[in-house]
Amino acid sequence: MFLYNTGARVQEAADLRVAHLDLGDHPLVRLHGKGDKWRTCPLWQQTAALLRSLLGALDPPATPQTAVFAAHGHALTRFGIYKLVRRHASSLDDPRTGRRISRHIFRHTAAVHLLEAGVEVNVIRGWLGHADLTTTNRYAEIATRAKGAALRALEPPDAAAASRTKPIWRSDESLLKWLASL
């Protein structure tokens, strides 16, 4: 839930310490990312409640430098987080397509869902900690391709159009530009 809520890189989650959390009325987290840059992300109340529960169960009690995600008293590494994701998500893998749930899927899905929700791409860039907008724009391309594929899948059959090699709307440049902008 934390990885999806924040779009955090796995290394950012592995490096997370109690001092980086504010689990008050408006919960948020400070993430230390690539290029030694810090960013702040809001947390859902549900994520904050789970983190409070996780930290409240620690023995000995958490200090500001305690790793948020730990096992047997040691901070999880990105490889440890990878193993946890694999263990809990392997039943969700799709053998027909070969698609697997990976640790990065949470970050990717958060970005695409933010984009689909109408969040401005520059806000998403800051949310994910991308230094360059070009990196974030890849998610916009993916979302546009997915919308185009959905549109093609829903295209109604038309006997007259079936005889054409290219549907009439595909030769309408203004319509294609409008669709690409969605």
N, C-alpha and C. Protein backbone atom coordinates (compact mmCIF):
# COMPACT_ATOMS: atom_id res chain seq x y z
N MET A 1 0.84 -1.19 0.00
CA MET A 1 0.00 0.00 0.00
C MET A 1 0.88 1.25 0.00
N PHE A 2 1.97 1.23 0.78
CA PHE A 2 2.87 2.38 0.84
C PHE A 2 3.48 2.66 -0.54
N LEU A 3 3.95 1.61 -1.23
CA LEU A 3 4.58 1.80 -2.53
C LEU A 3 3.60 2.39 -3.54
N TYR A 4 2.37 1.92 -3.54
CA TYR A 4 1.37 2.44 -4.48
C TYR A 4 0.95 3.85 -4.10
N ASN A 5 0.71 4.10 -2.80
CA ASN A 5 0.27 5.40 -2.33
C ASN A 5 1.28 6.50 -2.69
N THR A 6 2.56 6.19 -2.54
CA THR A 6 3.58 7.22 -2.73
C THR A 6 4.26 7.17 -4.09
N GLY A 7 4.18 6.04 -4.77
CA GLY A 7 4.95 5.88 -6.00
C GLY A 7 6.44 5.82 -5.70
N ALA A 8 6.78 5.46 -4.48
CA ALA A 8 8.18 5.45 -4.05
C ALA A 8 8.98 4.38 -4.78
N ARG A 9 10.24 4.69 -5.03
CA ARG A 9 11.17 3.67 -5.50
C ARG A 9 11.41 2.72 -4.34
N VAL A 10 11.73 1.49 -4.62
CA VAL A 10 11.94 0.51 -3.56
C VAL A 10 13.09 0.92 -2.65
N GLN A 11 14.14 1.50 -3.21
CA GLN A 11 15.25 1.95 -2.37
C GLN A 11 14.81 3.05 -1.43
N GLU A 12 13.89 3.91 -1.88
CA GLU A 12 13.38 4.97 -1.00
C GLU A 12 12.61 4.36 0.17
N ALA A 13 11.85 3.30 -0.07
CA ALA A 13 11.12 2.62 1.00
C ALA A 13 12.11 1.93 1.95
N ALA A 14 13.15 1.33 1.39
CA ALA A 14 14.15 0.65 2.22
C ALA A 14 14.88 1.65 3.12
N ASP A 15 15.10 2.86 2.65
CA ASP A 15 15.82 3.88 3.41
C ASP A 15 14.92 4.66 4.37
N LEU A 16 13.62 4.43 4.33
CA LEU A 16 12.67 5.21 5.12
C LEU A 16 12.86 4.99 6.62
N ARG A 17 12.91 6.09 7.35
CA ARG A 17 13.05 6.05 8.81
C ARG A 17 11.83 6.72 9.43
N VAL A 18 11.56 6.41 10.69
CA VAL A 18 10.41 6.95 11.41
C VAL A 18 10.40 8.48 11.36
N ALA A 19 11.57 9.10 11.45
CA ALA A 19 11.66 10.57 11.43
C ALA A 19 11.14 11.17 10.13
N HIS A 20 11.04 10.37 9.07
CA HIS A 20 10.58 10.87 7.77
C HIS A 20 9.06 10.85 7.65
N LEU A 21 8.38 10.35 8.67
CA LEU A 21 6.92 10.23 8.64
C LEU A 21 6.27 11.30 9.50
N ASP A 22 5.15 11.83 9.03
CA ASP A 22 4.27 12.66 9.84
C ASP A 22 2.90 12.00 9.73
N LEU A 23 2.50 11.30 10.77
CA LEU A 23 1.26 10.52 10.72
C LEU A 23 0.12 11.22 11.45
N GLY A 24 0.17 12.56 11.48
CA GLY A 24 -0.88 13.35 12.13
C GLY A 24 -2.15 13.44 11.30
N ASP A 25 -2.87 14.54 11.45
CA ASP A 25 -4.16 14.73 10.77
C ASP A 25 -4.04 14.72 9.25
N HIS A 26 -2.95 15.27 8.75
CA HIS A 26 -2.69 15.31 7.30
C HIS A 26 -1.39 14.56 7.06
N PRO A 27 -1.45 13.22 7.05
CA PRO A 27 -0.22 12.42 7.00
C PRO A 27 0.58 12.63 5.72
N LEU A 28 1.89 12.58 5.89
CA LEU A 28 2.79 12.69 4.75
C LEU A 28 4.11 12.02 5.06
N VAL A 29 4.88 11.84 4.01
CA VAL A 29 6.19 11.20 4.14
C VAL A 29 7.20 12.01 3.34
N ARG A 30 8.41 12.10 3.88
CA ARG A 30 9.53 12.70 3.15
C ARG A 30 10.38 11.56 2.63
N LEU A 31 10.56 11.53 1.31
CA LEU A 31 11.33 10.46 0.68
C LEU A 31 12.66 10.99 0.18
N HIS A 32 13.71 10.23 0.44
CA HIS A 32 15.05 10.59 -0.02
C HIS A 32 15.32 9.81 -1.28
N GLY A 33 15.37 10.52 -2.41
CA GLY A 33 15.47 9.85 -3.70
C GLY A 33 16.80 10.01 -4.40
N LYS A 34 16.75 9.72 -5.69
CA LYS A 34 17.95 9.82 -6.53
C LYS A 34 18.50 11.24 -6.50
N GLY A 35 19.78 11.34 -6.71
CA GLY A 35 20.43 12.66 -6.76
C GLY A 35 20.42 13.36 -5.42
N ASP A 36 20.29 12.60 -4.33
CA ASP A 36 20.28 13.15 -2.98
C ASP A 36 19.19 14.21 -2.81
N LYS A 37 18.05 14.01 -3.50
CA LYS A 37 16.94 14.96 -3.43
C LYS A 37 15.84 14.41 -2.54
N TRP A 38 15.20 15.32 -1.80
CA TRP A 38 14.08 14.97 -0.93
C TRP A 38 12.79 15.44 -1.58
N ARG A 39 11.72 14.69 -1.37
CA ARG A 39 10.40 15.13 -1.80
C ARG A 39 9.38 14.69 -0.76
N THR A 40 8.26 15.36 -0.75
CA THR A 40 7.20 15.06 0.21
C THR A 40 5.99 14.55 -0.54
N CYS A 41 5.41 13.48 -0.03
CA CYS A 41 4.20 12.90 -0.63
C CYS A 41 3.13 12.77 0.45
N PRO A 42 1.89 13.08 0.10
CA PRO A 42 0.80 12.87 1.06
C PRO A 42 0.51 11.38 1.20
N LEU A 43 -0.02 11.01 2.34
CA LEU A 43 -0.41 9.62 2.59
C LEU A 43 -1.92 9.55 2.80
N TRP A 44 -2.52 8.47 2.33
CA TRP A 44 -3.91 8.23 2.63
C TRP A 44 -4.03 7.93 4.13
N GLN A 45 -5.18 8.19 4.68
CA GLN A 45 -5.42 7.86 6.09
C GLN A 45 -5.22 6.36 6.33
N GLN A 46 -5.63 5.52 5.37
CA GLN A 46 -5.47 4.07 5.52
C GLN A 46 -3.99 3.69 5.59
N THR A 47 -3.18 4.31 4.76
CA THR A 47 -1.74 4.02 4.77
C THR A 47 -1.14 4.46 6.09
N ALA A 48 -1.54 5.65 6.56
CA ALA A 48 -1.03 6.16 7.84
C ALA A 48 -1.44 5.23 8.98
N ALA A 49 -2.67 4.72 8.96
CA ALA A 49 -3.13 3.82 10.02
C ALA A 49 -2.31 2.52 10.02
N LEU A 50 -2.03 1.99 8.83
CA LEU A 50 -1.21 0.78 8.75
C LEU A 50 0.21 1.03 9.26
N LEU A 51 0.77 2.19 8.92
CA LEU A 51 2.11 2.52 9.39
C LEU A 51 2.13 2.70 10.91
N ARG A 52 1.09 3.35 11.46
CA ARG A 52 1.00 3.51 12.92
C ARG A 52 0.95 2.14 13.60
N SER A 53 0.17 1.25 13.03
CA SER A 53 0.04 -0.10 13.58
C SER A 53 1.37 -0.85 13.51
N LEU A 54 2.04 -0.74 12.37
CA LEU A 54 3.34 -1.39 12.18
C LEU A 54 4.36 -0.88 13.19
N LEU A 55 4.42 0.43 13.35
CA LEU A 55 5.40 1.03 14.27
C LEU A 55 5.03 0.78 15.73
N GLY A 56 3.73 0.74 16.02
CA GLY A 56 3.28 0.51 17.39
C GLY A 56 3.57 -0.90 17.89
N ALA A 57 3.74 -1.83 16.97
CA ALA A 57 4.00 -3.22 17.33
C ALA A 57 5.48 -3.52 17.54
N LEU A 58 6.34 -2.53 17.32
CA LEU A 58 7.78 -2.78 17.43
C LEU A 58 8.22 -2.94 18.88
N ASP A 59 9.09 -3.88 19.10
CA ASP A 59 9.68 -4.09 20.41
C ASP A 59 11.18 -4.30 20.22
N PRO A 60 12.02 -3.39 20.60
CA PRO A 60 11.76 -2.19 21.39
C PRO A 60 11.04 -1.13 20.58
N PRO A 61 10.45 -0.15 21.26
CA PRO A 61 9.71 0.92 20.58
C PRO A 61 10.59 1.67 19.57
N ALA A 62 9.94 2.19 18.55
CA ALA A 62 10.64 2.89 17.48
C ALA A 62 11.25 4.19 17.98
N THR A 63 12.43 4.51 17.43
CA THR A 63 13.08 5.80 17.63
C THR A 63 13.03 6.53 16.29
N PRO A 64 13.39 7.79 16.25
CA PRO A 64 13.36 8.50 14.96
C PRO A 64 14.22 7.84 13.87
N GLN A 65 15.28 7.12 14.27
CA GLN A 65 16.16 6.50 13.27
C GLN A 65 15.82 5.05 12.96
N THR A 66 14.73 4.55 13.54
CA THR A 66 14.29 3.17 13.28
C THR A 66 13.81 3.06 11.84
N ALA A 67 14.22 1.99 11.17
CA ALA A 67 13.75 1.72 9.82
C ALA A 67 12.26 1.38 9.88
N VAL A 68 11.48 1.97 9.01
CA VAL A 68 10.04 1.71 8.99
C VAL A 68 9.77 0.29 8.53
N PHE A 69 10.48 -0.16 7.52
CA PHE A 69 10.28 -1.50 6.99
C PHE A 69 11.49 -2.36 7.38
N ALA A 70 11.25 -3.25 8.34
CA ALA A 70 12.34 -4.05 8.90
C ALA A 70 11.86 -5.47 9.16
N ALA A 71 12.82 -6.35 9.31
CA ALA A 71 12.54 -7.73 9.70
C ALA A 71 13.65 -8.17 10.64
N HIS A 72 13.26 -8.76 11.76
CA HIS A 72 14.22 -9.26 12.74
C HIS A 72 15.18 -8.16 13.21
N GLY A 73 14.65 -6.95 13.33
CA GLY A 73 15.45 -5.85 13.85
C GLY A 73 16.38 -5.18 12.86
N HIS A 74 16.36 -5.61 11.59
CA HIS A 74 17.23 -5.02 10.57
C HIS A 74 16.38 -4.43 9.44
N ALA A 75 16.82 -3.28 8.94
CA ALA A 75 16.11 -2.65 7.83
C ALA A 75 16.08 -3.58 6.62
N LEU A 76 14.93 -3.64 5.97
CA LEU A 76 14.85 -4.42 4.74
C LEU A 76 15.66 -3.72 3.65
N THR A 77 16.30 -4.50 2.83
CA THR A 77 16.98 -3.95 1.66
C THR A 77 15.98 -3.94 0.51
N ARG A 78 16.37 -3.37 -0.61
CA ARG A 78 15.47 -3.42 -1.77
C ARG A 78 15.26 -4.85 -2.21
N PHE A 79 16.24 -5.71 -2.01
CA PHE A 79 16.09 -7.13 -2.37
C PHE A 79 15.12 -7.83 -1.41
N GLY A 80 15.15 -7.45 -0.14
CA GLY A 80 14.20 -8.00 0.83
C GLY A 80 12.78 -7.60 0.49
N ILE A 81 12.61 -6.35 0.07
CA ILE A 81 11.28 -5.88 -0.34
C ILE A 81 10.84 -6.62 -1.59
N TYR A 82 11.78 -6.82 -2.51
CA TYR A 82 11.47 -7.58 -3.72
C TYR A 82 10.96 -8.98 -3.36
N LYS A 83 11.62 -9.65 -2.42
CA LYS A 83 11.21 -10.99 -2.02
C LYS A 83 9.81 -10.98 -1.40
N LEU A 84 9.53 -9.96 -0.59
CA LEU A 84 8.19 -9.86 0.00
C LEU A 84 7.12 -9.68 -1.07
N VAL A 85 7.39 -8.81 -2.03
CA VAL A 85 6.43 -8.58 -3.12
C VAL A 85 6.23 -9.88 -3.89
N ARG A 86 7.31 -10.57 -4.23
CA ARG A 86 7.20 -11.83 -4.99
C ARG A 86 6.38 -12.86 -4.21
N ARG A 87 6.67 -12.97 -2.91
CA ARG A 87 5.98 -13.98 -2.09
C ARG A 87 4.48 -13.71 -2.04
N HIS A 88 4.10 -12.45 -1.87
CA HIS A 88 2.69 -12.12 -1.69
C HIS A 88 1.94 -11.88 -2.99
N ALA A 89 2.65 -11.61 -4.06
CA ALA A 89 1.96 -11.29 -5.32
C ALA A 89 2.09 -12.37 -6.39
N SER A 90 2.85 -13.41 -6.12
CA SER A 90 3.05 -14.43 -7.16
C SER A 90 1.75 -15.08 -7.60
N SER A 91 0.76 -15.15 -6.71
CA SER A 91 -0.52 -15.74 -7.09
C SER A 91 -1.29 -14.84 -8.07
N LEU A 92 -0.86 -13.60 -8.22
CA LEU A 92 -1.53 -12.67 -9.14
C LEU A 92 -0.89 -12.65 -10.53
N ASP A 93 0.23 -13.36 -10.69
CA ASP A 93 0.90 -13.41 -11.99
C ASP A 93 -0.03 -14.04 -13.02
N ASP A 94 0.09 -13.60 -14.26
CA ASP A 94 -0.75 -14.12 -15.35
C ASP A 94 0.09 -15.01 -16.25
N PRO A 95 -0.06 -16.34 -16.14
CA PRO A 95 0.77 -17.24 -16.94
C PRO A 95 0.49 -17.14 -18.44
N ARG A 96 -0.72 -16.68 -18.81
CA ARG A 96 -1.06 -16.55 -20.23
C ARG A 96 -0.25 -15.45 -20.91
N THR A 97 -0.05 -14.36 -20.20
CA THR A 97 0.67 -13.22 -20.80
C THR A 97 2.12 -13.14 -20.33
N GLY A 98 2.44 -13.86 -19.26
CA GLY A 98 3.79 -13.78 -18.71
C GLY A 98 4.00 -12.57 -17.83
N ARG A 99 2.92 -11.79 -17.60
CA ARG A 99 3.04 -10.59 -16.76
C ARG A 99 3.15 -10.99 -15.30
N ARG A 100 4.11 -10.36 -14.63
CA ARG A 100 4.35 -10.63 -13.22
C ARG A 100 4.22 -9.34 -12.43
N ILE A 101 3.78 -9.48 -11.20
CA ILE A 101 3.72 -8.34 -10.30
C ILE A 101 5.14 -8.14 -9.77
N SER A 102 5.69 -6.98 -10.03
CA SER A 102 7.05 -6.67 -9.56
C SER A 102 6.98 -5.50 -8.60
N ARG A 103 8.09 -5.24 -7.94
CA ARG A 103 8.11 -4.11 -7.02
C ARG A 103 7.91 -2.78 -7.75
N HIS A 104 8.32 -2.69 -9.00
CA HIS A 104 8.21 -1.44 -9.74
C HIS A 104 6.79 -1.20 -10.26
N ILE A 105 6.00 -2.25 -10.35
CA ILE A 105 4.62 -2.12 -10.83
C ILE A 105 3.84 -1.12 -9.99
N PHE A 106 4.10 -1.08 -8.69
CA PHE A 106 3.38 -0.16 -7.81
C PHE A 106 3.66 1.29 -8.20
N ARG A 107 4.90 1.59 -8.50
CA ARG A 107 5.29 2.95 -8.91
C ARG A 107 4.67 3.29 -10.26
N HIS A 108 4.77 2.37 -11.19
CA HIS A 108 4.22 2.56 -12.53
C HIS A 108 2.70 2.75 -12.46
N THR A 109 2.03 1.90 -11.71
CA THR A 109 0.57 1.98 -11.60
C THR A 109 0.14 3.28 -10.94
N ALA A 110 0.84 3.71 -9.91
CA ALA A 110 0.53 4.99 -9.27
C ALA A 110 0.62 6.12 -10.29
N ALA A 111 1.68 6.12 -11.10
CA ALA A 111 1.85 7.18 -12.10
C ALA A 111 0.72 7.17 -13.12
N VAL A 112 0.37 6.01 -13.64
CA VAL A 112 -0.68 5.92 -14.65
C VAL A 112 -2.03 6.30 -14.05
N HIS A 113 -2.32 5.86 -12.83
CA HIS A 113 -3.59 6.21 -12.20
C HIS A 113 -3.69 7.71 -11.90
N LEU A 114 -2.59 8.31 -11.50
CA LEU A 114 -2.60 9.77 -11.30
C LEU A 114 -2.88 10.48 -12.62
N LEU A 115 -2.25 10.01 -13.67
CA LEU A 115 -2.45 10.60 -15.00
C LEU A 115 -3.91 10.44 -15.44
N GLU A 116 -4.45 9.23 -15.28
CA GLU A 116 -5.83 8.97 -15.68
C GLU A 116 -6.82 9.75 -14.84
N ALA A 117 -6.45 10.11 -13.61
CA ALA A 117 -7.31 10.89 -12.74
C ALA A 117 -7.27 12.38 -13.09
N GLY A 118 -6.44 12.74 -14.08
CA GLY A 118 -6.37 14.13 -14.52
C GLY A 118 -5.34 14.97 -13.79
N VAL A 119 -4.47 14.35 -13.02
CA VAL A 119 -3.43 15.09 -12.32
C VAL A 119 -2.43 15.59 -13.36
N GLU A 120 -2.06 16.84 -13.24
CA GLU A 120 -1.15 17.48 -14.19
C GLU A 120 0.20 16.76 -14.18
N VAL A 121 0.78 16.57 -15.35
CA VAL A 121 2.00 15.77 -15.49
C VAL A 121 3.17 16.34 -14.69
N ASN A 122 3.23 17.64 -14.50
CA ASN A 122 4.30 18.24 -13.70
C ASN A 122 4.15 17.89 -12.22
N VAL A 123 2.91 17.77 -11.76
CA VAL A 123 2.67 17.34 -10.37
C VAL A 123 3.12 15.89 -10.21
N ILE A 124 2.81 15.06 -11.20
CA ILE A 124 3.22 13.65 -11.16
C ILE A 124 4.75 13.56 -11.17
N ARG A 125 5.40 14.42 -11.97
CA ARG A 125 6.86 14.44 -12.00
C ARG A 125 7.42 14.68 -10.60
N GLY A 126 6.87 15.66 -9.90
CA GLY A 126 7.31 15.95 -8.54
C GLY A 126 6.97 14.83 -7.58
N TRP A 127 5.80 14.23 -7.75
CA TRP A 127 5.35 13.13 -6.89
C TRP A 127 6.32 11.95 -6.98
N LEU A 128 6.75 11.64 -8.21
CA LEU A 128 7.64 10.49 -8.42
C LEU A 128 9.11 10.83 -8.23
N GLY A 129 9.42 12.11 -8.15
CA GLY A 129 10.81 12.51 -7.97
C GLY A 129 11.62 12.45 -9.24
N HIS A 130 10.97 12.61 -10.38
CA HIS A 130 11.71 12.64 -11.65
C HIS A 130 12.37 14.00 -11.82
N ALA A 131 13.63 13.99 -12.18
CA ALA A 131 14.34 15.25 -12.43
C ALA A 131 13.92 15.84 -13.77
N ASP A 132 13.58 14.98 -14.71
CA ASP A 132 13.28 15.40 -16.08
C ASP A 132 11.84 15.02 -16.44
N LEU A 133 11.10 15.95 -16.98
CA LEU A 133 9.71 15.72 -17.37
C LEU A 133 9.60 14.65 -18.45
N THR A 134 10.65 14.47 -19.23
CA THR A 134 10.64 13.44 -20.28
C THR A 134 10.40 12.06 -19.69
N THR A 135 10.97 11.79 -18.54
CA THR A 135 10.78 10.50 -17.88
C THR A 135 9.32 10.29 -17.54
N THR A 136 8.67 11.32 -17.00
CA THR A 136 7.26 11.23 -16.63
C THR A 136 6.38 11.11 -17.87
N ASN A 137 6.76 11.76 -18.95
CA ASN A 137 5.95 11.72 -20.17
C ASN A 137 5.82 10.33 -20.75
N ARG A 138 6.73 9.42 -20.40
CA ARG A 138 6.59 8.03 -20.86
C ARG A 138 5.29 7.43 -20.37
N TYR A 139 4.89 7.78 -19.16
CA TYR A 139 3.63 7.27 -18.63
C TYR A 139 2.45 7.82 -19.42
N ALA A 140 2.56 9.08 -19.87
CA ALA A 140 1.50 9.68 -20.68
C ALA A 140 1.38 8.94 -22.01
N GLU A 141 2.51 8.59 -22.60
CA GLU A 141 2.50 7.82 -23.86
C GLU A 141 1.83 6.48 -23.66
N ILE A 142 2.16 5.80 -22.58
CA ILE A 142 1.57 4.49 -22.29
C ILE A 142 0.07 4.62 -22.13
N ALA A 143 -0.37 5.63 -21.40
CA ALA A 143 -1.80 5.83 -21.18
C ALA A 143 -2.52 6.14 -22.49
N THR A 144 -1.90 6.94 -23.36
CA THR A 144 -2.51 7.28 -24.64
C THR A 144 -2.62 6.04 -25.52
N ARG A 145 -1.58 5.21 -25.55
CA ARG A 145 -1.64 3.97 -26.34
C ARG A 145 -2.74 3.05 -25.82
N ALA A 146 -2.88 2.97 -24.49
CA ALA A 146 -3.90 2.11 -23.90
C ALA A 146 -5.30 2.62 -24.26
N LYS A 147 -5.47 3.94 -24.26
CA LYS A 147 -6.77 4.50 -24.65
C LYS A 147 -7.07 4.21 -26.11
N GLY A 148 -6.06 4.33 -26.96
CA GLY A 148 -6.25 4.03 -28.38
C GLY A 148 -6.61 2.58 -28.60
N ALA A 149 -5.96 1.68 -27.87
CA ALA A 149 -6.28 0.25 -28.00
C ALA A 149 -7.70 -0.03 -27.52
N ALA A 150 -8.10 0.62 -26.44
CA ALA A 150 -9.47 0.45 -25.93
C ALA A 150 -10.48 0.97 -26.95
N LEU A 151 -10.17 2.10 -27.55
CA LEU A 151 -11.07 2.67 -28.55
C LEU A 151 -11.21 1.73 -29.74
N ARG A 152 -10.11 1.16 -30.21
CA ARG A 152 -10.17 0.22 -31.33
C ARG A 152 -10.96 -1.03 -30.96
N ALA A 153 -10.82 -1.50 -29.73
CA ALA A 153 -11.53 -2.70 -29.30
C ALA A 153 -13.04 -2.47 -29.23
N LEU A 154 -13.43 -1.22 -28.99
CA LEU A 154 -14.85 -0.91 -28.86
C LEU A 154 -15.48 -0.40 -30.16
N GLU A 155 -14.69 -0.31 -31.19
CA GLU A 155 -15.18 0.21 -32.47
C GLU A 155 -16.31 -0.69 -32.98
N PRO A 156 -17.49 -0.11 -33.28
CA PRO A 156 -18.61 -0.94 -33.73
C PRO A 156 -18.35 -1.48 -35.14
N PRO A 157 -18.82 -2.72 -35.38
CA PRO A 157 -18.66 -3.27 -36.73
C PRO A 157 -19.56 -2.52 -37.71
N ASP A 158 -19.06 -2.31 -38.89
CA ASP A 158 -19.80 -1.59 -39.92
C ASP A 158 -19.49 -2.29 -41.23
N ALA A 159 -20.52 -2.78 -41.88
CA ALA A 159 -20.32 -3.54 -43.12
C ALA A 159 -19.58 -2.71 -44.17
N ALA A 160 -19.94 -1.43 -44.30
CA ALA A 160 -19.28 -0.59 -45.30
C ALA A 160 -17.83 -0.35 -44.92
N ALA A 161 -17.60 -0.14 -43.63
CA ALA A 161 -16.24 0.12 -43.18
C ALA A 161 -15.38 -1.14 -43.27
N ALA A 162 -16.01 -2.31 -43.16
CA ALA A 162 -15.25 -3.55 -43.22
C ALA A 162 -14.58 -3.74 -44.57
N SER A 163 -15.16 -3.17 -45.61
CA SER A 163 -14.57 -3.31 -46.94
C SER A 163 -13.38 -2.37 -47.14
N ARG A 164 -13.29 -1.32 -46.30
CA ARG A 164 -12.15 -0.40 -46.40
C ARG A 164 -10.97 -0.98 -45.65
N THR A 165 -9.78 -0.68 -46.10
CA THR A 165 -8.60 -1.17 -45.39
C THR A 165 -8.33 -0.33 -44.16
N LYS A 166 -8.80 0.91 -44.14
CA LYS A 166 -8.55 1.82 -43.04
C LYS A 166 -9.88 2.49 -42.67
N PRO A 167 -10.33 2.42 -41.40
CA PRO A 167 -11.57 3.11 -41.04
C PRO A 167 -11.47 4.59 -41.40
N ILE A 168 -12.61 5.16 -41.79
CA ILE A 168 -12.62 6.54 -42.27
C ILE A 168 -12.07 7.52 -41.24
N TRP A 169 -12.34 7.28 -39.95
CA TRP A 169 -11.86 8.22 -38.94
C TRP A 169 -10.34 8.21 -38.83
N ARG A 170 -9.70 7.14 -39.27
CA ARG A 170 -8.24 7.07 -39.19
C ARG A 170 -7.56 7.94 -40.25
N SER A 171 -8.31 8.44 -41.20
CA SER A 171 -7.72 9.35 -42.18
C SER A 171 -8.09 10.80 -41.88
N ASP A 172 -8.80 11.03 -40.80
CA ASP A 172 -9.18 12.38 -40.39
C ASP A 172 -8.11 12.91 -39.42
N GLU A 173 -7.18 13.72 -39.94
CA GLU A 173 -6.04 14.20 -39.14
C GLU A 173 -6.47 14.97 -37.90
N SER A 174 -7.49 15.81 -38.00
CA SER A 174 -7.90 16.61 -36.83
C SER A 174 -8.46 15.69 -35.75
N LEU A 175 -9.20 14.67 -36.13
CA LEU A 175 -9.74 13.73 -35.14
C LEU A 175 -8.60 12.93 -34.49
N LEU A 176 -7.63 12.50 -35.29
CA LEU A 176 -6.50 11.75 -34.76
C LEU A 176 -5.69 12.59 -33.77
N LYS A 177 -5.49 13.86 -34.10
CA LYS A 177 -4.76 14.74 -33.19
C LYS A 177 -5.51 14.92 -31.88
N TRP A 178 -6.84 15.06 -31.99
CA TRP A 178 -7.66 15.21 -30.79
C TRP A 178 -7.58 13.95 -29.93
N LEU A 179 -7.69 12.78 -30.54
CA LEU A 179 -7.61 11.52 -29.81
C LEU A 179 -6.25 11.35 -29.14
N ALA A 180 -5.20 11.73 -29.85
CA ALA A 180 -3.85 11.62 -29.30
C ALA A 180 -3.66 12.55 -28.09
N SER A 181 -4.41 13.64 -28.04
CA SER A 181 -4.26 14.58 -26.94
C SER A 181 -4.97 14.11 -25.67
N LEU A 182 -5.80 13.09 -25.77
CA LEU A 182 -6.56 12.62 -24.60
C LEU A 182 -5.66 11.92 -23.60
